[in-house]
Amino acid sequence: MASHITKGQWIALLKEQGLTDNDLQRWHQLFEQRHPLAHQSFLTWLGLTEDDVATIRQQSC
């Protein structure tokens, strides 16, 4: 069993629970507003590049 989850697996898991693209955007916005450093760490943990992390964080403002 893998000890890591990919971005695609994470998104699939959330969408299976009924979250829409708008819900996911709002989730990122709340995460960024409330816990910006943890949000960055989480995105990095998912294996995103520095550029992708920066883009998502900028879009979450």
Protein backbone atom coordinates (compact mmCIF):
# COMPACT_ATOMS: atom_id res chain seq x y z
CA MET A 1 0.00 0.00 0.00
CA ALA A 2 1.35 3.42 -0.97
CA SER A 3 2.19 5.85 1.80
CA HIS A 4 1.54 8.86 -0.41
CA ILE A 5 -1.43 10.19 -2.35
CA THR A 6 -1.15 12.07 -5.63
CA LYS A 7 -2.95 15.24 -6.64
CA GLY A 8 -5.15 13.26 -9.00
CA GLN A 9 -6.05 10.72 -6.32
CA TRP A 10 -6.88 13.51 -3.86
CA ILE A 11 -9.14 15.28 -6.37
CA ALA A 12 -10.85 11.99 -7.29
CA LEU A 13 -11.51 11.27 -3.61
CA LEU A 14 -13.09 14.69 -3.05
CA LYS A 15 -15.16 14.49 -6.24
CA GLU A 16 -16.43 11.04 -5.26
CA GLN A 17 -17.79 12.76 -2.16
CA GLY A 18 -19.74 15.14 -4.38
CA LEU A 19 -17.50 18.20 -4.38
CA THR A 20 -17.63 20.29 -7.55
CA ASP A 21 -14.83 22.35 -9.09
CA ASN A 22 -16.34 25.41 -7.38
CA ASP A 23 -16.33 23.56 -4.04
CA LEU A 24 -12.68 22.67 -4.52
CA GLN A 25 -11.81 26.29 -5.31
CA ARG A 26 -13.62 27.45 -2.15
CA TRP A 27 -11.81 24.76 -0.14
CA HIS A 28 -8.46 26.13 -1.34
CA GLN A 29 -9.56 29.70 -0.57
CA LEU A 30 -10.51 28.80 3.00
CA PHE A 31 -7.32 26.78 3.51
CA GLU A 32 -5.18 29.66 2.20
CA GLN A 33 -7.00 32.29 4.29
CA ARG A 34 -6.95 30.33 7.54
CA HIS A 35 -3.70 28.37 7.30
CA PRO A 36 -1.49 29.70 4.48
CA LEU A 37 1.71 27.91 5.46
CA ALA A 38 -0.09 24.61 6.04
CA HIS A 39 -1.80 25.04 2.66
CA GLN A 40 1.59 25.45 1.01
CA SER A 41 2.96 22.42 2.86
CA PHE A 42 -0.05 20.33 1.84
CA LEU A 43 0.32 21.25 -1.83
CA THR A 44 4.02 20.41 -1.70
CA TRP A 45 3.22 17.11 0.04
CA LEU A 46 0.92 16.25 -2.88
CA GLY A 47 3.97 16.54 -5.13
CA LEU A 48 3.11 19.78 -6.91
CA THR A 49 5.91 21.86 -8.39
CA GLU A 50 6.83 25.21 -6.85
CA ASP A 51 5.19 26.95 -9.82
CA ASP A 52 1.97 24.97 -9.40
CA VAL A 53 1.90 25.70 -5.67
CA ALA A 54 2.40 29.41 -6.33
CA THR A 55 -0.36 29.43 -8.96
CA ILE A 56 -2.88 27.67 -6.72
CA ARG A 57 -2.06 29.92 -3.78
CA GLN A 58 -2.41 33.05 -5.95
CA GLN A 59 -5.76 31.86 -7.29
CA SER A 60 -6.89 31.18 -3.72
CA CYS A 61 -6.52 34.79 -2.57
